[in-house]
Amino acid sequence: MTRTALRRGDIVEIKSAEEIISTLDDRAELEKLPFMAEMLQYCGKQFSVEARAEKVCDTSHHTGSRKLPESVLLEDLRCDGSAHDGCQAECRLFWKDDWLRRIDSDDVSTVTNGDTESSGRLIDLCDQNSRLTVESEDGVKQVFRCQSTQLHYASKQLRWFDPRPFVNELLTGNVGFWKFLRVTARAVVEETRRKLGLRRRQPFRSTQLKSPPTERLNLEVGERVCVREPNEIASTLTRDGKNRGLWFDAEMLPFCGQTMQIRQRVRKLIDECSGEMMEIDSDCFTLEGVACSGEDSPLRWFCPRAIFPYWRECWLRRAA
């Protein structure tokens, strides 16, 4: 990392629409990472750097940790899905260094969103490349492109046994010293167990072939719920760790027994591998303040994406 590279805590200003257009190719990409229409609303505004994208997880091809060159995450800026048919994944946005300008904390912003013409051209360029029509065996279908679907192609593979990406998390300022020691020690143990076949992929043991029937709670957004205890959740899962196809992840275990609030009911998600929009009719929720920490899962150590896990009603109960 060069001395001029952005670090955690730096204050930056997102460049104008005209400046960003000059960095993009005809696919609205810079080094294969798309700039999306949902990001335009932040142009000209100031934010602090949350982390460099030195070690992010691959949720489309499941290849483990990857590095997204010259890119950072700003605070908790997330995609609202407005330009992608209302996708509710709420993924964190990646920002290329070339889209940002470092400023002193006492500087006054002089950049605006840009003139209407520049903003319009940027939106048109993004919209033209966010939806594609492709032919398949089932006929013509529409697929979506976004940062999450293209992350695998815009990033570089990291080897799980290479210590340098772990050390880099400390050197870049992404994590503090004690967190670095705690997570690295856990990673050494768990990755060794995984490679020796001593670690199960799913956190619970189950012999059930099908998901058992459960009571419907008809939960609503804003309701307070309590996450059930591990033994209760285990009884709802099949032997592959799923309930009606939805995976219960190890990153969700620390929230067992805690009281949370329903953030949203998820009905539409883009499949990051195929780009197709998935319509979800079954119960599927996200919870306020509940996100993947990157501290408990093999191949995801130190990932800063803070993805919202999805919850079935049978893993929750109404708070008293």
C-alpha atoms as a PDB file:
ATOM      1  CA  MET A   1       0.000   0.000   0.000  1.00  0.00           C
ATOM      2  CA  THR A   2       1.391   3.400  -0.973  1.00  0.00           C
ATOM      3  CA  ARG A   3       1.627   6.252   1.482  1.00  0.00           C
ATOM      4  CA  THR A   4      -1.074   8.122  -0.415  1.00  0.00           C
ATOM      5  CA  ALA A   5      -3.597   5.248  -0.261  1.00  0.00           C
ATOM      6  CA  LEU A   6      -6.768   5.937   1.675  1.00  0.00           C
ATOM      7  CA  ARG A   7      -6.988   4.483   5.172  1.00  0.00           C
ATOM      8  CA  ARG A   8      -9.695   3.875   7.740  1.00  0.00           C
ATOM      9  CA  GLY A   9     -10.810   7.190   9.240  1.00  0.00           C
ATOM     10  CA  ASP A  10      -9.771   9.361   6.286  1.00  0.00           C
ATOM     11  CA  ILE A  11     -12.365  11.945   5.232  1.00  0.00           C
ATOM     12  CA  VAL A  12     -13.111  11.867   1.521  1.00  0.00           C
ATOM     13  CA  GLU A  13     -15.364  13.649  -0.900  1.00  0.00           C
ATOM     14  CA  ILE A  14     -17.066  11.741  -3.678  1.00  0.00           C
ATOM     15  CA  LYS A  15     -16.281  13.361  -7.014  1.00  0.00           C
ATOM     16  CA  SER A  16     -18.848  14.914  -9.315  1.00  0.00           C
ATOM     17  CA  ALA A  17     -20.782  12.983 -11.940  1.00  0.00           C
ATOM     18  CA  GLU A  18     -18.652  14.549 -14.704  1.00  0.00           C
ATOM     19  CA  GLU A  19     -15.395  13.495 -13.020  1.00  0.00           C
ATOM     20  CA  ILE A  20     -16.640   9.954 -12.450  1.00  0.00           C
ATOM     21  CA  ILE A  21     -17.825   9.554 -16.048  1.00  0.00           C
ATOM     22  CA  SER A  22     -14.265  10.282 -17.198  1.00  0.00           C
ATOM     23  CA  THR A  23     -13.030   7.196 -15.285  1.00  0.00           C
ATOM     24  CA  LEU A  24     -15.594   4.734 -16.693  1.00  0.00           C
ATOM     25  CA  ASP A  25     -15.573   2.583 -19.817  1.00  0.00           C
ATOM     26  CA  ASP A  26     -18.599   1.943 -22.025  1.00  0.00           C
ATOM     27  CA  ARG A  27     -19.818  -0.681 -19.537  1.00  0.00           C
ATOM     28  CA  ALA A  28     -19.879   1.911 -16.728  1.00  0.00           C
ATOM     29  CA  GLU A  29     -16.944   0.100 -15.107  1.00  0.00           C
ATOM     30  CA  LEU A  30     -13.537   0.995 -13.742  1.00  0.00           C
ATOM     31  CA  GLU A  31     -11.228  -2.021 -13.587  1.00  0.00           C
ATOM     32  CA  LYS A  32     -14.331  -4.221 -14.026  1.00  0.00           C
ATOM     33  CA  LEU A  33     -16.126  -2.717 -10.994  1.00  0.00           C
ATOM     34  CA  PRO A  34     -19.415  -1.018 -11.998  1.00  0.00           C
ATOM     35  CA  PHE A  35     -20.429   2.428 -10.864  1.00  0.00           C
ATOM     36  CA  MET A  36     -24.166   2.097 -10.220  1.00  0.00           C
ATOM     37  CA  ALA A  37     -26.989   4.621 -10.510  1.00  0.00           C
ATOM     38  CA  GLU A  38     -27.748   4.142  -6.793  1.00  0.00           C
ATOM     39  CA  MET A  39     -24.375   5.747  -6.020  1.00  0.00           C
ATOM     40  CA  LEU A  40     -25.062   9.049  -7.809  1.00  0.00           C
ATOM     41  CA  GLN A  41     -26.988  10.488  -4.838  1.00  0.00           C
ATOM     42  CA  TYR A  42     -23.734  10.598  -2.836  1.00  0.00           C
ATOM     43  CA  CYS A  43     -21.706  12.615  -5.358  1.00  0.00           C
ATOM     44  CA  GLY A  44     -20.290  15.802  -3.857  1.00  0.00           C
ATOM     45  CA  LYS A  45     -20.814  14.617  -0.276  1.00  0.00           C
ATOM     46  CA  GLN A  46     -18.232  13.828   2.397  1.00  0.00           C
ATOM     47  CA  PHE A  47     -17.838  10.534   4.234  1.00  0.00           C
ATOM     48  CA  SER A  48     -15.212   8.729   6.280  1.00  0.00           C
ATOM     49  CA  VAL A  49     -13.424   5.619   5.048  1.00  0.00           C
ATOM     50  CA  GLU A  50     -14.597   2.517   6.926  1.00  0.00           C
ATOM     51  CA  ALA A  51     -12.118   0.029   5.445  1.00  0.00           C
ATOM     52  CA  ARG A  52     -10.005  -0.782   2.429  1.00  0.00           C
ATOM     53  CA  ALA A  53     -11.367  -3.689   0.378  1.00  0.00           C
ATOM     54  CA  GLU A  54      -8.243  -5.752   0.971  1.00  0.00           C
ATOM     55  CA  LYS A  55      -9.979  -8.982   2.000  1.00  0.00           C
ATOM     56  CA  VAL A  56     -13.601  -9.465   0.930  1.00  0.00           C
ATOM     57  CA  CYS A  57     -15.624 -12.650   0.618  1.00  0.00           C
ATOM     58  CA  ASP A  58     -16.836 -14.060  -2.706  1.00  0.00           C
ATOM     59  CA  THR A  59     -20.550 -14.805  -2.349  1.00  0.00           C
ATOM     60  CA  SER A  60     -21.147 -15.634  -6.027  1.00  0.00           C
ATOM     61  CA  HIS A  61     -18.408 -18.168  -6.888  1.00  0.00           C
ATOM     62  CA  HIS A  62     -17.477 -19.088  -3.294  1.00  0.00           C
ATOM     63  CA  THR A  63     -13.749 -18.960  -3.955  1.00  0.00           C
ATOM     64  CA  GLY A  64     -12.895 -17.538  -0.530  1.00  0.00           C
ATOM     65  CA  SER A  65     -11.270 -14.202   0.203  1.00  0.00           C
ATOM     66  CA  ARG A  66     -10.406 -11.794  -2.595  1.00  0.00           C
ATOM     67  CA  LYS A  67      -8.796  -8.376  -2.906  1.00  0.00           C
ATOM     68  CA  LEU A  68     -10.585  -5.539  -4.686  1.00  0.00           C
ATOM     69  CA  PRO A  69      -7.706  -3.293  -5.828  1.00  0.00           C
ATOM     70  CA  GLU A  70      -7.720   0.434  -5.049  1.00  0.00           C
ATOM     71  CA  SER A  71     -11.167   0.304  -3.453  1.00  0.00           C
ATOM     72  CA  VAL A  72     -12.712   1.240  -0.116  1.00  0.00           C
ATOM     73  CA  LEU A  73     -15.970   1.098   1.819  1.00  0.00           C
ATOM     74  CA  LEU A  74     -17.422   4.372   3.114  1.00  0.00           C
ATOM     75  CA  GLU A  75     -19.262   4.308   6.446  1.00  0.00           C
ATOM     76  CA  ASP A  76     -22.410   2.162   6.010  1.00  0.00           C
ATOM     77  CA  LEU A  77     -23.439   3.302   2.519  1.00  0.00           C
ATOM     78  CA  ARG A  78     -25.608   0.591   0.979  1.00  0.00           C
ATOM     79  CA  CYS A  79     -27.362   0.005  -2.322  1.00  0.00           C
ATOM     80  CA  ASP A  80     -31.103   0.723  -2.131  1.00  0.00           C
ATOM     81  CA  GLY A  81     -31.857  -1.366  -5.236  1.00  0.00           C
ATOM     82  CA  SER A  82     -33.780   1.475  -6.900  1.00  0.00           C
ATOM     83  CA  ALA A  83     -32.025   0.967 -10.251  1.00  0.00           C
ATOM     84  CA  HIS A  84     -32.117  -2.838  -9.996  1.00  0.00           C
ATOM     85  CA  ASP A  85     -35.848  -3.504  -9.879  1.00  0.00           C
ATOM     86  CA  GLY A  86     -36.058  -3.106  -6.101  1.00  0.00           C
ATOM     87  CA  CYS A  87     -33.489  -5.737  -5.051  1.00  0.00           C
ATOM     88  CA  GLN A  88     -33.531  -5.881  -1.227  1.00  0.00           C
ATOM     89  CA  ALA A  89     -30.039  -7.269  -0.563  1.00  0.00           C
ATOM     90  CA  GLU A  90     -28.836  -3.858   0.689  1.00  0.00           C
ATOM     91  CA  CYS A  91     -25.222  -4.603  -0.236  1.00  0.00           C
ATOM     92  CA  ARG A  92     -22.532  -2.203   0.900  1.00  0.00           C
ATOM     93  CA  LEU A  93     -21.150  -0.044  -1.899  1.00  0.00           C
ATOM     94  CA  PHE A  94     -17.539  -0.223  -3.048  1.00  0.00           C
ATOM     95  CA  TRP A  95     -15.785   2.974  -4.092  1.00  0.00           C
ATOM     96  CA  LYS A  96     -12.706   3.129  -6.285  1.00  0.00           C
ATOM     97  CA  ASP A  97      -9.998   5.507  -5.059  1.00  0.00           C
ATOM     98  CA  ASP A  98     -10.311   7.355  -8.383  1.00  0.00           C
ATOM     99  CA  TRP A  99     -13.916   8.264  -7.520  1.00  0.00           C
ATOM    100  CA  LEU A 100     -12.857   9.953  -4.275  1.00  0.00           C
ATOM    101  CA  ARG A 101     -10.865  12.953  -3.136  1.00  0.00           C
ATOM    102  CA  ARG A 102      -9.149  12.996   0.246  1.00  0.00           C
ATOM    103  CA  ILE A 103      -9.807  16.212   2.181  1.00  0.00           C
ATOM    104  CA  ASP A 104      -8.905  17.658   5.537  1.00  0.00           C
ATOM    105  CA  SER A 105     -11.620  17.345   8.159  1.00  0.00           C
ATOM    106  CA  ASP A 106     -12.072  21.128   8.294  1.00  0.00           C
ATOM    107  CA  ASP A 107     -12.337  21.625   4.517  1.00  0.00           C
ATOM    108  CA  VAL A 108     -15.586  22.932   3.106  1.00  0.00           C
ATOM    109  CA  SER A 109     -17.038  21.029   0.183  1.00  0.00           C
ATOM    110  CA  THR A 110     -16.846  22.837  -3.146  1.00  0.00           C
ATOM    111  CA  VAL A 111     -18.045  19.920  -5.283  1.00  0.00           C
ATOM    112  CA  THR A 112     -21.656  19.520  -6.261  1.00  0.00           C
ATOM    113  CA  ASN A 113     -23.455  16.576  -7.753  1.00  0.00           C
ATOM    114  CA  GLY A 114     -22.582  18.045 -11.152  1.00  0.00           C
ATOM    115  CA  ASP A 115     -24.704  19.704 -13.777  1.00  0.00           C
ATOM    116  CA  THR A 116     -27.931  18.102 -14.847  1.00  0.00           C
ATOM    117  CA  GLU A 117     -26.472  17.012 -18.183  1.00  0.00           C
ATOM    118  CA  SER A 118     -23.553  15.150 -16.559  1.00  0.00           C
ATOM    119  CA  SER A 119     -25.792  13.485 -14.007  1.00  0.00           C
ATOM    120  CA  GLY A 120     -28.194  12.443 -16.747  1.00  0.00           C
ATOM    121  CA  ARG A 121     -25.411  10.976 -18.873  1.00  0.00           C
ATOM    122  CA  LEU A 122     -24.062   9.030 -15.892  1.00  0.00           C
ATOM    123  CA  ILE A 123     -27.496   7.636 -15.036  1.00  0.00           C
ATOM    124  CA  ASP A 124     -28.089   6.641 -18.676  1.00  0.00           C
ATOM    125  CA  LEU A 125     -24.705   4.901 -18.844  1.00  0.00           C
ATOM    126  CA  CYS A 126     -25.375   2.993 -15.622  1.00  0.00           C
ATOM    127  CA  ASP A 127     -28.927   2.057 -16.583  1.00  0.00           C
ATOM    128  CA  GLN A 128     -27.841   0.750 -19.992  1.00  0.00           C
ATOM    129  CA  ASN A 129     -25.476  -1.671 -18.297  1.00  0.00           C
ATOM    130  CA  SER A 130     -27.499  -2.651 -15.216  1.00  0.00           C
ATOM    131  CA  ARG A 131     -29.992  -4.778 -17.193  1.00  0.00           C
ATOM    132  CA  LEU A 132     -29.098  -7.137 -20.005  1.00  0.00           C
ATOM    133  CA  THR A 133     -31.197  -9.358 -22.237  1.00  0.00           C
ATOM    134  CA  VAL A 134     -29.687 -12.787 -22.793  1.00  0.00           C
ATOM    135  CA  GLU A 135     -30.779 -15.941 -24.585  1.00  0.00           C
ATOM    136  CA  SER A 136     -31.059 -19.238 -22.745  1.00  0.00           C
ATOM    137  CA  GLU A 137     -32.541 -22.681 -23.300  1.00  0.00           C
ATOM    138  CA  ASP A 138     -35.797 -21.345 -21.856  1.00  0.00           C
ATOM    139  CA  GLY A 139     -35.851 -18.359 -24.190  1.00  0.00           C
ATOM    140  CA  VAL A 140     -34.940 -14.712 -23.765  1.00  0.00           C
ATOM    141  CA  LYS A 141     -34.581 -13.486 -20.185  1.00  0.00           C
ATOM    142  CA  GLN A 142     -33.454 -10.381 -18.350  1.00  0.00           C
ATOM    143  CA  VAL A 143     -30.461 -10.429 -16.029  1.00  0.00           C
ATOM    144  CA  PHE A 144     -28.960  -7.731 -13.840  1.00  0.00           C
ATOM    145  CA  ARG A 145     -25.410  -6.486 -13.397  1.00  0.00           C
ATOM    146  CA  CYS A 146     -24.257  -4.830 -10.211  1.00  0.00           C
ATOM    147  CA  GLN A 147     -21.192  -4.646  -8.004  1.00  0.00           C
ATOM    148  CA  SER A 148     -22.087  -7.925  -6.307  1.00  0.00           C
ATOM    149  CA  THR A 149     -22.534  -9.874  -9.556  1.00  0.00           C
ATOM    150  CA  GLN A 150     -19.233  -8.483 -10.893  1.00  0.00           C
ATOM    151  CA  LEU A 151     -17.186  -8.598  -7.676  1.00  0.00           C
ATOM    152  CA  HIS A 152     -15.558 -11.922  -8.564  1.00  0.00           C
ATOM    153  CA  TYR A 153     -14.292 -10.546 -11.898  1.00  0.00           C
ATOM    154  CA  ALA A 154     -13.131  -7.214 -10.455  1.00  0.00           C
ATOM    155  CA  SER A 155     -11.114  -8.790  -7.637  1.00  0.00           C
ATOM    156  CA  LYS A 156      -8.039 -10.958  -7.175  1.00  0.00           C
ATOM    157  CA  GLN A 157      -7.907 -14.346  -5.448  1.00  0.00           C
ATOM    158  CA  LEU A 158      -6.144 -14.570  -2.070  1.00  0.00           C
ATOM    159  CA  ARG A 159      -4.716 -17.845  -0.805  1.00  0.00           C
ATOM    160  CA  TRP A 160      -6.131 -18.897   2.548  1.00  0.00           C
ATOM    161  CA  PHE A 161      -2.719 -20.001   3.858  1.00  0.00           C
ATOM    162  CA  ASP A 162      -0.915 -16.767   2.859  1.00  0.00           C
ATOM    163  CA  PRO A 163      -0.324 -14.689   6.034  1.00  0.00           C
ATOM    164  CA  ARG A 164       0.263 -11.436   4.144  1.00  0.00           C
ATOM    165  CA  PRO A 165      -3.440 -10.541   3.595  1.00  0.00           C
ATOM    166  CA  PHE A 166      -4.038 -11.055   7.322  1.00  0.00           C
ATOM    167  CA  VAL A 167      -1.113  -8.818   8.275  1.00  0.00           C
ATOM    168  CA  ASN A 168      -2.263  -6.285   5.682  1.00  0.00           C
ATOM    169  CA  GLU A 169      -5.535  -5.851   7.598  1.00  0.00           C
ATOM    170  CA  LEU A 170      -3.488  -4.489  10.478  1.00  0.00           C
ATOM    171  CA  LEU A 171      -1.080  -2.433   8.386  1.00  0.00           C
ATOM    172  CA  THR A 172      -3.872  -0.712   6.415  1.00  0.00           C
ATOM    173  CA  GLY A 173      -5.652   0.236   9.628  1.00  0.00           C
ATOM    174  CA  ASN A 174      -8.716  -1.879   8.815  1.00  0.00           C
ATOM    175  CA  VAL A 175      -8.609  -3.513  12.268  1.00  0.00           C
ATOM    176  CA  GLY A 176      -6.993  -2.827  15.605  1.00  0.00           C
ATOM    177  CA  PHE A 177      -4.250  -4.901  17.180  1.00  0.00           C
ATOM    178  CA  TRP A 178      -6.403  -6.954  19.581  1.00  0.00           C
ATOM    179  CA  LYS A 179      -9.027  -7.773  16.964  1.00  0.00           C
ATOM    180  CA  PHE A 180      -6.235  -8.771  14.601  1.00  0.00           C
ATOM    181  CA  LEU A 181      -4.822 -11.211  17.162  1.00  0.00           C
ATOM    182  CA  ARG A 182      -8.216 -12.644  18.126  1.00  0.00           C
ATOM    183  CA  VAL A 183      -9.510 -13.277  14.602  1.00  0.00           C
ATOM    184  CA  THR A 184      -6.161 -14.455  13.208  1.00  0.00           C
ATOM    185  CA  ALA A 185      -5.770 -17.003  16.017  1.00  0.00           C
ATOM    186  CA  ARG A 186      -9.275 -18.304  15.368  1.00  0.00           C
ATOM    187  CA  ALA A 187      -8.607 -18.448  11.630  1.00  0.00           C
ATOM    188  CA  VAL A 188      -5.457 -20.544  12.090  1.00  0.00           C
ATOM    189  CA  VAL A 189      -7.358 -23.104  14.158  1.00  0.00           C
ATOM    190  CA  GLU A 190     -10.535 -23.235  12.074  1.00  0.00           C
ATOM    191  CA  GLU A 191      -8.857 -23.242   8.661  1.00  0.00           C
ATOM    192  CA  THR A 192      -6.565 -26.068   9.756  1.00  0.00           C
ATOM    193  CA  ARG A 193      -9.576 -28.051  10.965  1.00  0.00           C
ATOM    194  CA  ARG A 194     -11.394 -27.337   7.705  1.00  0.00           C
ATOM    195  CA  LYS A 195      -8.513 -28.561   5.545  1.00  0.00           C
ATOM    196  CA  LEU A 196      -8.189 -31.735   7.659  1.00  0.00           C
ATOM    197  CA  GLY A 197     -11.918 -32.395   7.333  1.00  0.00           C
ATOM    198  CA  LEU A 198     -12.519 -31.926  11.060  1.00  0.00           C
ATOM    199  CA  ARG A 199     -14.865 -28.946  10.741  1.00  0.00           C
ATOM    200  CA  ARG A 200     -18.472 -29.275   9.580  1.00  0.00           C
ATOM    201  CA  ARG A 201     -19.731 -26.726   7.076  1.00  0.00           C
ATOM    202  CA  GLN A 202     -23.026 -26.322   8.943  1.00  0.00           C
ATOM    203  CA  PRO A 203     -22.983 -25.296  12.627  1.00  0.00           C
ATOM    204  CA  PHE A 204     -25.531 -27.962  13.710  1.00  0.00           C
ATOM    205  CA  ARG A 205     -25.899 -31.719  13.356  1.00  0.00           C
ATOM    206  CA  SER A 206     -29.172 -32.940  11.916  1.00  0.00           C
ATOM    207  CA  THR A 207     -30.407 -36.111  10.230  1.00  0.00           C
ATOM    208  CA  GLN A 208     -33.650 -34.687   8.822  1.00  0.00           C
ATOM    209  CA  LEU A 209     -34.074 -34.946   5.069  1.00  0.00           C
ATOM    210  CA  LYS A 210     -36.926 -32.412   4.896  1.00  0.00           C
ATOM    211  CA  SER A 211     -37.664 -29.240   6.810  1.00  0.00           C
ATOM    212  CA  PRO A 212     -40.253 -29.972   9.536  1.00  0.00           C
ATOM    213  CA  PRO A 213     -43.517 -28.008   9.585  1.00  0.00           C
ATOM    214  CA  THR A 214     -43.400 -24.923  11.818  1.00  0.00           C
ATOM    215  CA  GLU A 215     -45.880 -22.383  13.158  1.00  0.00           C
ATOM    216  CA  ARG A 216     -46.344 -19.196  11.123  1.00  0.00           C
ATOM    217  CA  LEU A 217     -45.956 -15.999  13.121  1.00  0.00           C
ATOM    218  CA  ASN A 218     -46.841 -13.487  10.374  1.00  0.00           C
ATOM    219  CA  LEU A 219     -44.177 -11.086  11.616  1.00  0.00           C
ATOM    220  CA  GLU A 220     -44.248  -7.471  10.466  1.00  0.00           C
ATOM    221  CA  VAL A 221     -41.516  -4.893   9.877  1.00  0.00           C
ATOM    222  CA  GLY A 222     -40.698  -3.051  13.108  1.00  0.00           C
ATOM    223  CA  GLU A 223     -41.740  -5.877  15.455  1.00  0.00           C
ATOM    224  CA  ARG A 224     -39.330  -6.872  18.203  1.00  0.00           C
ATOM    225  CA  VAL A 225     -38.296 -10.517  18.134  1.00  0.00           C
ATOM    226  CA  CYS A 226     -35.992 -12.775  20.097  1.00  0.00           C
ATOM    227  CA  VAL A 227     -33.633 -15.095  18.227  1.00  0.00           C
ATOM    228  CA  ARG A 228     -34.218 -18.657  19.405  1.00  0.00           C
ATOM    229  CA  GLU A 229     -31.576 -20.716  21.182  1.00  0.00           C
ATOM    230  CA  PRO A 230     -29.255 -22.966  19.116  1.00  0.00           C
ATOM    231  CA  ASN A 231     -30.988 -26.220  20.103  1.00  0.00           C
ATOM    232  CA  GLU A 232     -34.361 -24.825  18.967  1.00  0.00           C
ATOM    233  CA  ILE A 233     -32.949 -23.688  15.635  1.00  0.00           C
ATOM    234  CA  ALA A 234     -31.187 -27.013  15.094  1.00  0.00           C
ATOM    235  CA  SER A 235     -34.557 -28.819  15.252  1.00  0.00           C
ATOM    236  CA  THR A 236     -35.788 -26.828  12.223  1.00  0.00           C
ATOM    237  CA  LEU A 237     -32.869 -27.682   9.924  1.00  0.00           C
ATOM    238  CA  THR A 238     -32.192 -30.464   7.464  1.00  0.00           C
ATOM    239  CA  ARG A 239     -28.906 -32.347   7.473  1.00  0.00           C
ATOM    240  CA  ASP A 240     -27.423 -29.794   5.049  1.00  0.00           C
ATOM    241  CA  GLY A 241     -28.122 -27.002   7.555  1.00  0.00           C
ATOM    242  CA  LYS A 242     -31.079 -25.425   5.750  1.00  0.00           C
ATOM    243  CA  ASN A 243     -34.743 -24.694   6.330  1.00  0.00           C
ATOM    244  CA  ARG A 244     -36.739 -24.767   3.082  1.00  0.00           C
ATOM    245  CA  GLY A 245     -33.551 -24.007   1.190  1.00  0.00           C
ATOM    246  CA  LEU A 246     -32.400 -21.133   3.403  1.00  0.00           C
ATOM    247  CA  TRP A 247     -29.009 -21.682   5.035  1.00  0.00           C
ATOM    248  CA  PHE A 248     -28.384 -20.982   8.745  1.00  0.00           C
ATOM    249  CA  ASP A 249     -24.863 -19.578   8.888  1.00  0.00           C
ATOM    250  CA  ALA A 250     -22.259 -19.745  11.634  1.00  0.00           C
ATOM    251  CA  GLU A 251     -22.152 -15.926  11.627  1.00  0.00           C
ATOM    252  CA  MET A 252     -25.755 -15.964  12.914  1.00  0.00           C
ATOM    253  CA  LEU A 253     -24.954 -17.984  16.041  1.00  0.00           C
ATOM    254  CA  PRO A 254     -23.709 -15.059  18.186  1.00  0.00           C
ATOM    255  CA  PHE A 255     -27.174 -13.482  17.970  1.00  0.00           C
ATOM    256  CA  CYS A 256     -29.008 -16.444  19.529  1.00  0.00           C
ATOM    257  CA  GLY A 257     -30.933 -15.338  22.612  1.00  0.00           C
ATOM    258  CA  GLN A 258     -30.776 -11.639  21.689  1.00  0.00           C
ATOM    259  CA  THR A 259     -33.757  -9.356  21.108  1.00  0.00           C
ATOM    260  CA  MET A 260     -33.829  -7.548  17.761  1.00  0.00           C
ATOM    261  CA  GLN A 261     -36.178  -5.592  15.529  1.00  0.00           C
ATOM    262  CA  ILE A 262     -37.432  -6.734  12.124  1.00  0.00           C
ATOM    263  CA  ARG A 263     -35.675  -4.585   9.502  1.00  0.00           C
ATOM    264  CA  GLN A 264     -37.520  -5.704   6.389  1.00  0.00           C
ATOM    265  CA  ARG A 265     -39.309  -8.606   4.796  1.00  0.00           C
ATOM    266  CA  VAL A 266     -37.258  -9.725   1.814  1.00  0.00           C
ATOM    267  CA  ARG A 267     -39.244 -10.479  -1.326  1.00  0.00           C
ATOM    268  CA  LYS A 268     -36.783  -9.753  -4.175  1.00  0.00           C
ATOM    269  CA  LEU A 269     -33.091 -10.591  -4.478  1.00  0.00           C
ATOM    270  CA  ILE A 270     -30.679 -10.706  -7.403  1.00  0.00           C
ATOM    271  CA  ASP A 271     -28.919 -14.054  -7.726  1.00  0.00           C
ATOM    272  CA  GLU A 272     -25.274 -12.961  -7.688  1.00  0.00           C
ATOM    273  CA  CYS A 273     -24.176 -15.916  -9.817  1.00  0.00           C
ATOM    274  CA  SER A 274     -26.779 -15.790 -12.622  1.00  0.00           C
ATOM    275  CA  GLY A 275     -27.910 -12.172 -12.322  1.00  0.00           C
ATOM    276  CA  GLU A 276     -31.556 -13.260 -12.368  1.00  0.00           C
ATOM    277  CA  MET A 277     -34.102 -11.703 -10.024  1.00  0.00           C
ATOM    278  CA  MET A 278     -35.451 -14.148  -7.448  1.00  0.00           C
ATOM    279  CA  GLU A 279     -39.017 -13.674  -6.183  1.00  0.00           C
ATOM    280  CA  ILE A 280     -39.335 -14.888  -2.572  1.00  0.00           C
ATOM    281  CA  ASP A 281     -42.812 -15.929  -1.481  1.00  0.00           C
ATOM    282  CA  SER A 282     -41.810 -17.648   1.765  1.00  0.00           C
ATOM    283  CA  ASP A 283     -40.959 -15.931   5.060  1.00  0.00           C
ATOM    284  CA  CYS A 284     -37.561 -14.249   4.869  1.00  0.00           C
ATOM    285  CA  PHE A 285     -36.428 -11.345   7.057  1.00  0.00           C
ATOM    286  CA  THR A 286     -33.445  -9.201   7.939  1.00  0.00           C
ATOM    287  CA  LEU A 287     -32.925  -7.790  11.442  1.00  0.00           C
ATOM    288  CA  GLU A 288     -31.744  -4.348  12.541  1.00  0.00           C
ATOM    289  CA  GLY A 289     -28.105  -4.312  13.565  1.00  0.00           C
ATOM    290  CA  VAL A 290     -27.510  -7.932  12.572  1.00  0.00           C
ATOM    291  CA  ALA A 291     -24.783  -8.374   9.950  1.00  0.00           C
ATOM    292  CA  CYS A 292     -21.984 -10.808   9.164  1.00  0.00           C
ATOM    293  CA  SER A 293     -18.910  -9.865  11.190  1.00  0.00           C
ATOM    294  CA  GLY A 294     -16.279 -11.750   9.207  1.00  0.00           C
ATOM    295  CA  GLU A 295     -14.918 -13.087  12.483  1.00  0.00           C
ATOM    296  CA  ASP A 296     -16.442 -16.579  12.701  1.00  0.00           C
ATOM    297  CA  SER A 297     -16.437 -18.115   9.234  1.00  0.00           C
ATOM    298  CA  PRO A 298     -13.746 -19.938   7.240  1.00  0.00           C
ATOM    299  CA  LEU A 299     -12.798 -18.215   3.976  1.00  0.00           C
ATOM    300  CA  ARG A 300     -14.420 -14.961   5.173  1.00  0.00           C
ATOM    301  CA  TRP A 301     -11.990 -13.759   7.841  1.00  0.00           C
ATOM    302  CA  PHE A 302     -11.924  -9.960   8.228  1.00  0.00           C
ATOM    303  CA  CYS A 303     -14.410  -9.422   5.379  1.00  0.00           C
ATOM    304  CA  PRO A 304     -15.898  -5.911   5.865  1.00  0.00           C
ATOM    305  CA  ARG A 305     -18.972  -6.352   3.650  1.00  0.00           C
ATOM    306  CA  ALA A 306     -21.298  -6.719   6.673  1.00  0.00           C
ATOM    307  CA  ILE A 307     -23.903  -8.671   4.690  1.00  0.00           C
ATOM    308  CA  PHE A 308     -27.342  -8.950   6.291  1.00  0.00           C
ATOM    309  CA  PRO A 309     -28.162 -12.645   6.959  1.00  0.00           C
ATOM    310  CA  TYR A 310     -31.679 -13.869   6.177  1.00  0.00           C
ATOM    311  CA  TRP A 311     -33.937 -15.310   8.881  1.00  0.00           C
ATOM    312  CA  ARG A 312     -36.879 -17.709   8.865  1.00  0.00           C
ATOM    313  CA  GLU A 313     -39.784 -17.091  11.244  1.00  0.00           C
ATOM    314  CA  CYS A 314     -39.109 -20.434  12.940  1.00  0.00           C
ATOM    315  CA  TRP A 315     -35.702 -19.096  14.075  1.00  0.00           C
ATOM    316  CA  LEU A 316     -37.430 -16.209  15.843  1.00  0.00           C
ATOM    317  CA  ARG A 317     -40.176 -15.611  18.374  1.00  0.00           C
ATOM    318  CA  ARG A 318     -42.031 -12.463  19.357  1.00  0.00           C
ATOM    319  CA  ALA A 319     -40.359 -10.614  22.192  1.00  0.00           C
ATOM    320  CA  ALA A 320     -42.398 -10.407  25.370  1.00  0.00           C
END
